Amino acid sequence: MSRRDEQEVVVVGVDDSTAGDAVDWAAAEAATRGAQLRIVHAFRPPLPADPYGFVAQVDDFLPVRAASELLVRDAVARARSVASDIAVSTRLTRGSPVRGLLGEAQGARLLVVGSHGRSGLRGLLAGSVSVHVATHAACPVVVIRPTDGTCDTGSAPRSVARVVVGVDRTPSCVPAIGFAFRAAWQRGIPLVAVHAWTPDPPADFEGVSARPSVAENSARRAVEKALARWREEYPAVPVATRLVCGDPIQTLIGESRGAALLVVGSRGRGHILGTVLRSVSQTVLNHARCPIAVVHHGCAAEAQPPTKAHHGIGS
């Protein structure tokens, strides 16, 4: 059996504080894709309790293992309550959650993790598992934001269900656009492509610059060019474009209110602190009002259009 014929795998990471919503979303996604669901939990063995560094006793290890197994069993039951027909497997790993999840992401089509929903730099660093995984995983990562209202302090959510994708002028957004079109097609909802543009700076010391309409028209052409190939491959997906003169981060956060999914591209820069401070995708990840998919430029499978036979009208 070739890799193309193998059933897709959706991986979801669970812990005792973010398991519920992430499992629900991942199970529904696996059912929609016709994929397997793999539930992964990483646990840390107890630290040595004595000053001489002796390994913890087996009696100290067993309760931790048992609690982890119970957490995974509960996650399986929850997944089956959402989608009873999907194939579900489990994996317990010892040690770092980041290392375990990144290892499981190898060969997976999608990785789903939860978020504690904290705000600000401290929140991003404290929630560095989702940040680090979203930056470094070998497949797209969906981070599930809290649903208790802690992540929405703005105006009332928009009423129209939709997938929102951020579009810029760099190649890193190509896989994100492909992922967003597929997500909209799977759900039978519109796609909104968002691009934040800024007026051209003055071209000389006298402050002469092009009219804002010139920059806006240039941005519109760039967005339409980026969307063209995907419109052809997904003709059943209604597409709207939204051009905003302003900050891309605030624009995407605003558009995320009430959305089914927000999709952003990522260049996948290395060091986590640099990612937190400089990356649009990671800043949006910490403040979005809906689930957010981070699709980095190395996700080649998302950058390739699927066959029209599977994704055209009437499929």
C-alpha atoms as a PDB file:
ATOM      1  CA  MET A   1       0.000   0.000   0.000  1.00  0.00           C
ATOM      2  CA  SER A   2       1.421   3.391  -0.975  1.00  0.00           C
ATOM      3  CA  ARG A   3       1.457   6.411   1.342  1.00  0.00           C
ATOM      4  CA  ARG A   4      -1.222   8.057  -0.802  1.00  0.00           C
ATOM      5  CA  ASP A   5      -3.516   5.060  -0.181  1.00  0.00           C
ATOM      6  CA  GLU A   6      -2.959   4.963   3.576  1.00  0.00           C
ATOM      7  CA  GLN A   7      -5.658   6.358   5.828  1.00  0.00           C
ATOM      8  CA  GLU A   8      -4.882   9.811   7.149  1.00  0.00           C
ATOM      9  CA  VAL A   9      -4.084  10.221  10.841  1.00  0.00           C
ATOM     10  CA  VAL A  10      -5.266  13.107  13.011  1.00  0.00           C
ATOM     11  CA  VAL A  11      -3.286  13.358  16.257  1.00  0.00           C
ATOM     12  CA  VAL A  12      -4.650  15.125  19.337  1.00  0.00           C
ATOM     13  CA  GLY A  13      -2.583  15.911  22.409  1.00  0.00           C
ATOM     14  CA  VAL A  14      -4.401  15.774  25.745  1.00  0.00           C
ATOM     15  CA  ASP A  15      -3.631  16.804  29.282  1.00  0.00           C
ATOM     16  CA  ASP A  16      -5.790  17.263  32.373  1.00  0.00           C
ATOM     17  CA  SER A  17      -6.655  20.895  31.580  1.00  0.00           C
ATOM     18  CA  THR A  18      -7.152  21.152  27.790  1.00  0.00           C
ATOM     19  CA  ALA A  19      -8.380  17.709  26.750  1.00  0.00           C
ATOM     20  CA  GLY A  20     -12.124  18.259  26.272  1.00  0.00           C
ATOM     21  CA  ASP A  21     -12.491  20.818  23.493  1.00  0.00           C
ATOM     22  CA  ALA A  22      -9.412  19.565  21.657  1.00  0.00           C
ATOM     23  CA  VAL A  23     -10.702  15.980  21.616  1.00  0.00           C
ATOM     24  CA  ASP A  24     -14.153  17.080  20.435  1.00  0.00           C
ATOM     25  CA  TRP A  25     -12.682  19.100  17.569  1.00  0.00           C
ATOM     26  CA  ALA A  26     -10.165  16.442  16.576  1.00  0.00           C
ATOM     27  CA  ALA A  27     -12.769  13.654  16.578  1.00  0.00           C
ATOM     28  CA  ALA A  28     -15.131  15.668  14.382  1.00  0.00           C
ATOM     29  CA  GLU A  29     -12.271  16.515  12.020  1.00  0.00           C
ATOM     30  CA  ALA A  30     -11.145  12.889  11.800  1.00  0.00           C
ATOM     31  CA  ALA A  31     -14.705  11.831  10.970  1.00  0.00           C
ATOM     32  CA  THR A  32     -15.000  14.502   8.280  1.00  0.00           C
ATOM     33  CA  ARG A  33     -11.686  13.492   6.714  1.00  0.00           C
ATOM     34  CA  GLY A  34     -12.326   9.752   7.007  1.00  0.00           C
ATOM     35  CA  ALA A  35      -9.151   9.611   9.090  1.00  0.00           C
ATOM     36  CA  GLN A  36      -7.913   7.698  12.111  1.00  0.00           C
ATOM     37  CA  LEU A  37      -7.727   9.537  15.433  1.00  0.00           C
ATOM     38  CA  ARG A  38      -4.674   9.057  17.637  1.00  0.00           C
ATOM     39  CA  ILE A  39      -4.901  10.348  21.216  1.00  0.00           C
ATOM     40  CA  VAL A  40      -1.524  11.176  22.746  1.00  0.00           C
ATOM     41  CA  HIS A  41      -0.648  12.032  26.341  1.00  0.00           C
ATOM     42  CA  ALA A  42       2.834  12.677  27.719  1.00  0.00           C
ATOM     43  CA  PHE A  43       3.452  12.163  31.421  1.00  0.00           C
ATOM     44  CA  ARG A  44       6.490  12.852  33.535  1.00  0.00           C
ATOM     45  CA  PRO A  45       7.687  10.224  36.033  1.00  0.00           C
ATOM     46  CA  PRO A  46       8.056  11.576  39.591  1.00  0.00           C
ATOM     47  CA  LEU A  47      11.379  13.213  40.399  1.00  0.00           C
ATOM     48  CA  PRO A  48      13.834  11.578  42.841  1.00  0.00           C
ATOM     49  CA  ALA A  49      12.634  12.313  46.361  1.00  0.00           C
ATOM     50  CA  ASP A  50      15.894  11.954  48.244  1.00  0.00           C
ATOM     51  CA  PRO A  51      19.019  14.141  48.237  1.00  0.00           C
ATOM     52  CA  TYR A  52      21.197  11.356  46.802  1.00  0.00           C
ATOM     53  CA  GLY A  53      19.344  11.229  43.500  1.00  0.00           C
ATOM     54  CA  PHE A  54      18.044   7.687  43.731  1.00  0.00           C
ATOM     55  CA  VAL A  55      15.390   6.816  41.165  1.00  0.00           C
ATOM     56  CA  ALA A  56      11.823   7.135  42.385  1.00  0.00           C
ATOM     57  CA  GLN A  57      10.267   3.946  43.632  1.00  0.00           C
ATOM     58  CA  VAL A  58       7.897   1.935  41.461  1.00  0.00           C
ATOM     59  CA  ASP A  59       5.146   2.702  43.983  1.00  0.00           C
ATOM     60  CA  ASP A  60       5.580   6.412  43.147  1.00  0.00           C
ATOM     61  CA  PHE A  61       5.511   5.796  39.405  1.00  0.00           C
ATOM     62  CA  LEU A  62       2.408   3.605  39.215  1.00  0.00           C
ATOM     63  CA  PRO A  63      -0.147   6.242  40.354  1.00  0.00           C
ATOM     64  CA  VAL A  64       1.126   8.672  37.725  1.00  0.00           C
ATOM     65  CA  ARG A  65       0.850   6.023  35.048  1.00  0.00           C
ATOM     66  CA  ALA A  66      -2.617   5.012  36.226  1.00  0.00           C
ATOM     67  CA  ALA A  67      -3.853   8.623  36.171  1.00  0.00           C
ATOM     68  CA  SER A  68      -2.502   9.028  32.651  1.00  0.00           C
ATOM     69  CA  GLU A  69      -4.248   5.873  31.473  1.00  0.00           C
ATOM     70  CA  LEU A  70      -7.525   7.071  32.989  1.00  0.00           C
ATOM     71  CA  LEU A  71      -7.150  10.441  31.240  1.00  0.00           C
ATOM     72  CA  VAL A  72      -6.616   8.725  27.897  1.00  0.00           C
ATOM     73  CA  ARG A  73      -9.562   6.346  28.422  1.00  0.00           C
ATOM     74  CA  ASP A  74     -11.824   9.309  29.169  1.00  0.00           C
ATOM     75  CA  ALA A  75     -10.559  11.014  26.015  1.00  0.00           C
ATOM     76  CA  VAL A  76     -11.368   7.914  23.941  1.00  0.00           C
ATOM     77  CA  ALA A  77     -14.901   7.813  25.363  1.00  0.00           C
ATOM     78  CA  ARG A  78     -15.361  11.496  24.586  1.00  0.00           C
ATOM     79  CA  ALA A  79     -14.087  11.058  21.040  1.00  0.00           C
ATOM     80  CA  ARG A  80     -16.481   8.177  20.413  1.00  0.00           C
ATOM     81  CA  SER A  81     -19.385  10.244  21.757  1.00  0.00           C
ATOM     82  CA  VAL A  82     -18.608  12.790  19.025  1.00  0.00           C
ATOM     83  CA  ALA A  83     -17.923  10.322  16.195  1.00  0.00           C
ATOM     84  CA  SER A  84     -18.703   6.712  17.014  1.00  0.00           C
ATOM     85  CA  ASP A  85     -17.432   5.229  13.745  1.00  0.00           C
ATOM     86  CA  ILE A  86     -13.868   6.547  13.674  1.00  0.00           C
ATOM     87  CA  ALA A  87     -10.857   4.353  14.374  1.00  0.00           C
ATOM     88  CA  VAL A  88      -9.194   5.500  17.607  1.00  0.00           C
ATOM     89  CA  SER A  89      -5.765   4.586  18.921  1.00  0.00           C
ATOM     90  CA  THR A  90      -3.862   5.856  21.960  1.00  0.00           C
ATOM     91  CA  ARG A  91      -0.271   6.548  22.811  1.00  0.00           C
ATOM     92  CA  LEU A  92       1.298   7.259  26.213  1.00  0.00           C
ATOM     93  CA  THR A  93       4.766   8.792  26.125  1.00  0.00           C
ATOM     94  CA  ARG A  94       7.139   9.533  28.984  1.00  0.00           C
ATOM     95  CA  GLY A  95       8.881  12.879  29.239  1.00  0.00           C
ATOM     96  CA  SER A  96       8.450  16.194  27.457  1.00  0.00           C
ATOM     97  CA  PRO A  97       4.997  16.852  25.930  1.00  0.00           C
ATOM     98  CA  VAL A  98       6.629  18.877  23.165  1.00  0.00           C
ATOM     99  CA  ARG A  99       8.976  16.053  22.204  1.00  0.00           C
ATOM    100  CA  GLY A 100       6.201  13.495  22.327  1.00  0.00           C
ATOM    101  CA  LEU A 101       3.798  15.521  20.204  1.00  0.00           C
ATOM    102  CA  LEU A 102       6.425  16.455  17.627  1.00  0.00           C
ATOM    103  CA  GLY A 103       7.343  12.801  17.319  1.00  0.00           C
ATOM    104  CA  GLU A 104       3.715  11.778  16.793  1.00  0.00           C
ATOM    105  CA  ALA A 105       3.269  14.559  14.217  1.00  0.00           C
ATOM    106  CA  GLN A 106       5.731  12.806  11.926  1.00  0.00           C
ATOM    107  CA  GLY A 107       3.591  11.173   9.263  1.00  0.00           C
ATOM    108  CA  ALA A 108       0.337  12.675  10.601  1.00  0.00           C
ATOM    109  CA  ARG A 109      -1.859  14.902   8.440  1.00  0.00           C
ATOM    110  CA  LEU A 110      -2.928  17.128  11.327  1.00  0.00           C
ATOM    111  CA  LEU A 111      -2.025  17.751  14.966  1.00  0.00           C
ATOM    112  CA  VAL A 112      -4.581  19.228  17.387  1.00  0.00           C
ATOM    113  CA  VAL A 113      -3.682  20.725  20.765  1.00  0.00           C
ATOM    114  CA  GLY A 114      -5.512  22.727  23.399  1.00  0.00           C
ATOM    115  CA  SER A 115      -4.636  26.131  24.799  1.00  0.00           C
ATOM    116  CA  HIS A 116      -4.941  27.569  28.295  1.00  0.00           C
ATOM    117  CA  GLY A 117      -6.029  30.888  26.794  1.00  0.00           C
ATOM    118  CA  ARG A 118      -3.759  33.155  28.823  1.00  0.00           C
ATOM    119  CA  SER A 119      -3.034  36.612  27.480  1.00  0.00           C
ATOM    120  CA  GLY A 120       0.187  38.519  26.972  1.00  0.00           C
ATOM    121  CA  LEU A 121       3.802  37.445  26.775  1.00  0.00           C
ATOM    122  CA  ARG A 122       3.665  35.568  30.070  1.00  0.00           C
ATOM    123  CA  GLY A 123       0.706  33.568  28.799  1.00  0.00           C
ATOM    124  CA  LEU A 124       2.486  32.657  25.575  1.00  0.00           C
ATOM    125  CA  LEU A 125       5.589  31.504  27.408  1.00  0.00           C
ATOM    126  CA  ALA A 126       3.526  29.583  29.976  1.00  0.00           C
ATOM    127  CA  GLY A 127       1.630  27.915  27.146  1.00  0.00           C
ATOM    128  CA  SER A 128       4.795  27.187  25.231  1.00  0.00           C
ATOM    129  CA  VAL A 129       3.771  23.603  24.426  1.00  0.00           C
ATOM    130  CA  SER A 130       1.170  24.770  21.897  1.00  0.00           C
ATOM    131  CA  VAL A 131       3.428  27.591  20.688  1.00  0.00           C
ATOM    132  CA  HIS A 132       6.464  25.389  20.193  1.00  0.00           C
ATOM    133  CA  VAL A 133       4.502  22.566  18.598  1.00  0.00           C
ATOM    134  CA  ALA A 134       2.711  24.939  16.220  1.00  0.00           C
ATOM    135  CA  THR A 135       6.054  26.328  15.112  1.00  0.00           C
ATOM    136  CA  HIS A 136       7.996  23.107  14.678  1.00  0.00           C
ATOM    137  CA  ALA A 137       5.555  20.302  13.821  1.00  0.00           C
ATOM    138  CA  ALA A 138       5.957  18.495  10.504  1.00  0.00           C
ATOM    139  CA  CYS A 139       2.243  18.907   9.751  1.00  0.00           C
ATOM    140  CA  PRO A 140      -0.391  21.629  10.187  1.00  0.00           C
ATOM    141  CA  VAL A 141      -1.335  22.311  13.814  1.00  0.00           C
ATOM    142  CA  VAL A 142      -4.750  23.406  15.067  1.00  0.00           C
ATOM    143  CA  VAL A 143      -4.829  25.112  18.461  1.00  0.00           C
ATOM    144  CA  ILE A 144      -8.218  25.039  20.172  1.00  0.00           C
ATOM    145  CA  ARG A 145      -8.966  28.183  22.099  1.00  0.00           C
ATOM    146  CA  PRO A 146     -11.079  28.110  25.297  1.00  0.00           C
ATOM    147  CA  THR A 147     -14.843  28.324  24.815  1.00  0.00           C
ATOM    148  CA  ASP A 148     -15.745  29.824  28.188  1.00  0.00           C
ATOM    149  CA  GLY A 149     -15.529  33.405  26.964  1.00  0.00           C
ATOM    150  CA  THR A 150     -12.049  34.108  28.320  1.00  0.00           C
ATOM    151  CA  CYS A 151     -10.660  34.668  24.850  1.00  0.00           C
ATOM    152  CA  ASP A 152     -13.333  37.057  23.548  1.00  0.00           C
ATOM    153  CA  THR A 153     -13.369  40.532  24.983  1.00  0.00           C
ATOM    154  CA  GLY A 154     -14.447  42.341  21.840  1.00  0.00           C
ATOM    155  CA  SER A 155     -17.763  42.970  20.180  1.00  0.00           C
ATOM    156  CA  ALA A 156     -20.429  40.353  19.547  1.00  0.00           C
ATOM    157  CA  PRO A 157     -19.359  37.476  17.274  1.00  0.00           C
ATOM    158  CA  ARG A 158     -20.268  37.584  13.601  1.00  0.00           C
ATOM    159  CA  SER A 159     -23.209  35.338  12.809  1.00  0.00           C
ATOM    160  CA  VAL A 160     -21.991  33.824   9.519  1.00  0.00           C
ATOM    161  CA  ALA A 161     -19.996  30.600   9.876  1.00  0.00           C
ATOM    162  CA  ARG A 162     -16.864  30.812   7.756  1.00  0.00           C
ATOM    163  CA  VAL A 163     -13.202  29.896   7.450  1.00  0.00           C
ATOM    164  CA  VAL A 164     -10.845  32.876   7.552  1.00  0.00           C
ATOM    165  CA  VAL A 165      -7.366  32.758   6.018  1.00  0.00           C
ATOM    166  CA  GLY A 166      -4.658  35.388   6.226  1.00  0.00           C
ATOM    167  CA  VAL A 167      -3.068  36.132   2.846  1.00  0.00           C
ATOM    168  CA  ASP A 168       0.185  38.009   2.360  1.00  0.00           C
ATOM    169  CA  ARG A 169       2.641  38.358  -0.525  1.00  0.00           C
ATOM    170  CA  THR A 170       5.077  35.677   0.606  1.00  0.00           C
ATOM    171  CA  PRO A 171       5.265  32.018  -0.486  1.00  0.00           C
ATOM    172  CA  SER A 172       4.694  30.952   3.137  1.00  0.00           C
ATOM    173  CA  CYS A 173       0.951  31.591   2.809  1.00  0.00           C
ATOM    174  CA  VAL A 174       0.438  29.157  -0.097  1.00  0.00           C
ATOM    175  CA  PRO A 175       0.019  26.000   2.053  1.00  0.00           C
ATOM    176  CA  ALA A 176      -2.237  27.953   4.428  1.00  0.00           C
ATOM    177  CA  ILE A 177      -4.546  28.947   1.569  1.00  0.00           C
ATOM    178  CA  GLY A 178      -4.779  25.328   0.393  1.00  0.00           C
ATOM    179  CA  PHE A 179      -5.564  24.154   3.929  1.00  0.00           C
ATOM    180  CA  ALA A 180      -8.236  26.854   4.321  1.00  0.00           C
ATOM    181  CA  PHE A 181      -9.976  25.956   1.050  1.00  0.00           C
ATOM    182  CA  ARG A 182     -10.147  22.294   2.051  1.00  0.00           C
ATOM    183  CA  ALA A 183     -11.496  23.198   5.506  1.00  0.00           C
ATOM    184  CA  ALA A 184     -14.217  25.399   3.995  1.00  0.00           C
ATOM    185  CA  TRP A 185     -15.120  22.704   1.464  1.00  0.00           C
ATOM    186  CA  GLN A 186     -15.352  20.017   4.167  1.00  0.00           C
ATOM    187  CA  ARG A 187     -17.688  22.174   6.244  1.00  0.00           C
ATOM    188  CA  GLY A 188     -19.768  23.540   3.376  1.00  0.00           C
ATOM    189  CA  ILE A 189     -19.176  27.147   4.445  1.00  0.00           C
ATOM    190  CA  PRO A 190     -17.660  30.242   2.786  1.00  0.00           C
ATOM    191  CA  LEU A 191     -14.009  31.223   2.826  1.00  0.00           C
ATOM    192  CA  VAL A 192     -12.933  34.761   3.678  1.00  0.00           C
ATOM    193  CA  ALA A 193      -9.437  35.744   2.507  1.00  0.00           C
ATOM    194  CA  VAL A 194      -8.044  38.636   4.555  1.00  0.00           C
ATOM    195  CA  HIS A 195      -5.148  40.867   3.587  1.00  0.00           C
ATOM    196  CA  ALA A 196      -3.904  43.869   5.567  1.00  0.00           C
ATOM    197  CA  TRP A 197      -2.160  46.482   3.444  1.00  0.00           C
ATOM    198  CA  THR A 198      -0.408  49.770   4.152  1.00  0.00           C
ATOM    199  CA  PRO A 199       0.024  52.872   1.960  1.00  0.00           C
ATOM    200  CA  ASP A 200       3.280  53.136   0.059  1.00  0.00           C
ATOM    201  CA  PRO A 201       5.931  55.163   1.909  1.00  0.00           C
ATOM    202  CA  PRO A 202       7.150  58.437   0.370  1.00  0.00           C
ATOM    203  CA  ALA A 203       9.431  57.834  -2.592  1.00  0.00           C
ATOM    204  CA  ASP A 204      11.629  60.901  -1.986  1.00  0.00           C
ATOM    205  CA  PHE A 205      12.635  63.451   0.639  1.00  0.00           C
ATOM    206  CA  GLU A 206       9.812  65.791  -0.379  1.00  0.00           C
ATOM    207  CA  GLY A 207       7.286  63.273   0.882  1.00  0.00           C
ATOM    208  CA  VAL A 208       5.801  62.347  -2.473  1.00  0.00           C
ATOM    209  CA  SER A 209       4.106  58.949  -2.433  1.00  0.00           C
ATOM    210  CA  ALA A 210       1.589  57.036  -4.486  1.00  0.00           C
ATOM    211  CA  ARG A 211      -2.107  57.462  -3.773  1.00  0.00           C
ATOM    212  CA  PRO A 212      -3.536  54.923  -1.256  1.00  0.00           C
ATOM    213  CA  SER A 213      -5.792  53.576  -4.005  1.00  0.00           C
ATOM    214  CA  VAL A 214      -2.704  52.464  -5.939  1.00  0.00           C
ATOM    215  CA  ALA A 215      -1.446  50.416  -2.988  1.00  0.00           C
ATOM    216  CA  GLU A 216      -4.911  48.984  -2.379  1.00  0.00           C
ATOM    217  CA  ASN A 217      -5.319  47.920  -6.014  1.00  0.00           C
ATOM    218  CA  SER A 218      -1.884  46.319  -5.959  1.00  0.00           C
ATOM    219  CA  ALA A 219      -2.851  44.400  -2.817  1.00  0.00           C
ATOM    220  CA  ARG A 220      -6.105  43.262  -4.416  1.00  0.00           C
ATOM    221  CA  ARG A 221      -4.297  41.915  -7.482  1.00  0.00           C
ATOM    222  CA  ALA A 222      -1.830  40.030  -5.274  1.00  0.00           C
ATOM    223  CA  VAL A 223      -4.634  38.416  -3.265  1.00  0.00           C
ATOM    224  CA  GLU A 224      -6.601  37.412  -6.352  1.00  0.00           C
ATOM    225  CA  LYS A 225      -3.477  35.878  -7.874  1.00  0.00           C
ATOM    226  CA  ALA A 226      -2.836  33.874  -4.703  1.00  0.00           C
ATOM    227  CA  LEU A 227      -6.419  32.577  -4.685  1.00  0.00           C
ATOM    228  CA  ALA A 228      -6.805  31.840  -8.415  1.00  0.00           C
ATOM    229  CA  ARG A 229      -5.522  28.243  -8.525  1.00  0.00           C
ATOM    230  CA  TRP A 230      -7.542  27.260  -5.467  1.00  0.00           C
ATOM    231  CA  ARG A 231     -10.772  28.771  -6.798  1.00  0.00           C
ATOM    232  CA  GLU A 232     -10.419  26.449  -9.777  1.00  0.00           C
ATOM    233  CA  GLU A 233      -9.801  23.394  -7.616  1.00  0.00           C
ATOM    234  CA  TYR A 234     -12.635  24.169  -5.175  1.00  0.00           C
ATOM    235  CA  PRO A 235     -15.355  25.742  -7.346  1.00  0.00           C
ATOM    236  CA  ALA A 236     -18.062  24.879  -4.802  1.00  0.00           C
ATOM    237  CA  VAL A 237     -16.480  27.087  -2.108  1.00  0.00           C
ATOM    238  CA  PRO A 238     -17.848  30.657  -1.979  1.00  0.00           C
ATOM    239  CA  VAL A 239     -14.924  33.060  -1.571  1.00  0.00           C
ATOM    240  CA  ALA A 240     -14.916  36.640  -0.324  1.00  0.00           C
ATOM    241  CA  THR A 241     -11.872  38.878  -0.064  1.00  0.00           C
ATOM    242  CA  ARG A 242     -11.432  41.499   2.599  1.00  0.00           C
ATOM    243  CA  LEU A 243      -8.741  44.153   2.222  1.00  0.00           C
ATOM    244  CA  VAL A 244      -8.006  46.234   5.310  1.00  0.00           C
ATOM    245  CA  CYS A 245      -5.671  49.193   5.628  1.00  0.00           C
ATOM    246  CA  GLY A 246      -4.158  48.459   9.002  1.00  0.00           C
ATOM    247  CA  ASP A 247      -2.218  46.130  11.239  1.00  0.00           C
ATOM    248  CA  PRO A 248      -2.342  42.463  10.110  1.00  0.00           C
ATOM    249  CA  ILE A 249      -2.418  41.098  13.658  1.00  0.00           C
ATOM    250  CA  GLN A 250      -5.388  43.156  14.806  1.00  0.00           C
ATOM    251  CA  THR A 251      -7.145  42.562  11.488  1.00  0.00           C
ATOM    252  CA  LEU A 252      -6.896  38.771  11.795  1.00  0.00           C
ATOM    253  CA  ILE A 253      -7.908  38.788  15.457  1.00  0.00           C
ATOM    254  CA  GLY A 254     -10.966  40.870  14.615  1.00  0.00           C
ATOM    255  CA  GLU A 255     -11.938  38.598  11.727  1.00  0.00           C
ATOM    256  CA  SER A 256     -11.640  35.527  13.959  1.00  0.00           C
ATOM    257  CA  ARG A 257     -14.713  36.437  16.002  1.00  0.00           C
ATOM    258  CA  GLY A 258     -17.410  33.896  15.250  1.00  0.00           C
ATOM    259  CA  ALA A 259     -15.331  32.070  12.627  1.00  0.00           C
ATOM    260  CA  ALA A 260     -15.269  28.282  12.442  1.00  0.00           C
ATOM    261  CA  LEU A 261     -11.505  28.375  11.867  1.00  0.00           C
ATOM    262  CA  LEU A 262      -8.738  30.915  11.333  1.00  0.00           C
ATOM    263  CA  VAL A 263      -5.833  29.762   9.164  1.00  0.00           C
ATOM    264  CA  VAL A 264      -2.442  31.473   9.114  1.00  0.00           C
ATOM    265  CA  GLY A 265       0.857  30.660   7.493  1.00  0.00           C
ATOM    266  CA  SER A 266       4.143  30.496   9.343  1.00  0.00           C
ATOM    267  CA  ARG A 267       7.757  30.652   8.268  1.00  0.00           C
ATOM    268  CA  GLY A 268       8.626  28.355  11.187  1.00  0.00           C
ATOM    269  CA  ARG A 269      11.460  30.384  12.698  1.00  0.00           C
ATOM    270  CA  GLY A 270      13.533  28.543  15.202  1.00  0.00           C
ATOM    271  CA  HIS A 271      13.993  29.918  18.701  1.00  0.00           C
ATOM    272  CA  ILE A 272      10.750  30.096  20.609  1.00  0.00           C
ATOM    273  CA  LEU A 273      11.313  33.528  22.155  1.00  0.00           C
ATOM    274  CA  GLY A 274      12.038  34.985  18.741  1.00  0.00           C
ATOM    275  CA  THR A 275       8.871  33.367  17.465  1.00  0.00           C
ATOM    276  CA  VAL A 276       6.795  34.818  20.307  1.00  0.00           C
ATOM    277  CA  LEU A 277       8.102  38.325  19.807  1.00  0.00           C
ATOM    278  CA  ARG A 278       8.258  38.562  16.016  1.00  0.00           C
ATOM    279  CA  SER A 279       5.830  36.184  14.339  1.00  0.00           C
ATOM    280  CA  VAL A 280       2.397  37.382  13.281  1.00  0.00           C
ATOM    281  CA  SER A 281       1.088  33.814  13.351  1.00  0.00           C
ATOM    282  CA  GLN A 282       2.159  33.213  16.943  1.00  0.00           C
ATOM    283  CA  THR A 283       0.776  36.518  18.207  1.00  0.00           C
ATOM    284  CA  VAL A 284      -2.555  35.795  16.539  1.00  0.00           C
ATOM    285  CA  LEU A 285      -2.437  32.286  18.016  1.00  0.00           C
ATOM    286  CA  ASN A 286      -2.492  33.749  21.518  1.00  0.00           C
ATOM    287  CA  HIS A 287      -5.448  36.072  20.920  1.00  0.00           C
ATOM    288  CA  ALA A 288      -7.701  34.514  18.263  1.00  0.00           C
ATOM    289  CA  ARG A 289     -11.371  34.078  19.157  1.00  0.00           C
ATOM    290  CA  CYS A 290     -11.747  30.702  17.419  1.00  0.00           C
ATOM    291  CA  PRO A 291      -9.699  27.583  16.644  1.00  0.00           C
ATOM    292  CA  ILE A 292      -6.564  28.576  14.735  1.00  0.00           C
ATOM    293  CA  ALA A 293      -4.627  26.469  12.242  1.00  0.00           C
ATOM    294  CA  VAL A 294      -0.926  27.217  11.806  1.00  0.00           C
ATOM    295  CA  VAL A 295       0.366  25.879   8.494  1.00  0.00           C
ATOM    296  CA  HIS A 296       4.071  26.435   7.948  1.00  0.00           C
ATOM    297  CA  HIS A 297       5.754  26.793   4.589  1.00  0.00           C
ATOM    298  CA  GLY A 298       7.224  23.273   4.739  1.00  0.00           C
ATOM    299  CA  CYS A 299       3.806  21.557   4.606  1.00  0.00           C
ATOM    300  CA  ALA A 300       4.179  20.509   0.981  1.00  0.00           C
ATOM    301  CA  ALA A 301       1.008  18.364   0.939  1.00  0.00           C
ATOM    302  CA  GLU A 302      -1.133  21.436   1.658  1.00  0.00           C
ATOM    303  CA  ALA A 303       0.534  23.435  -1.122  1.00  0.00           C
ATOM    304  CA  GLN A 304      -0.487  20.938  -3.820  1.00  0.00           C
ATOM    305  CA  PRO A 305      -4.015  21.220  -5.234  1.00  0.00           C
ATOM    306  CA  PRO A 306      -6.070  18.026  -4.867  1.00  0.00           C
ATOM    307  CA  THR A 307      -7.777  16.311  -7.783  1.00  0.00           C
ATOM    308  CA  LYS A 308     -10.928  18.004  -9.038  1.00  0.00           C
ATOM    309  CA  ALA A 309     -12.685  14.655  -9.055  1.00  0.00           C
ATOM    310  CA  HIS A 310     -12.760  14.725  -5.257  1.00  0.00           C
ATOM    311  CA  HIS A 311     -13.260  18.419  -4.583  1.00  0.00           C
ATOM    312  CA  GLY A 312     -15.346  19.840  -7.391  1.00  0.00           C
ATOM    313  CA  ILE A 313     -19.022  20.661  -7.565  1.00  0.00           C
ATOM    314  CA  GLY A 314     -21.308  17.783  -6.754  1.00  0.00           C
ATOM    315  CA  SER A 315     -18.710  15.773  -4.829  1.00  0.00           C
END
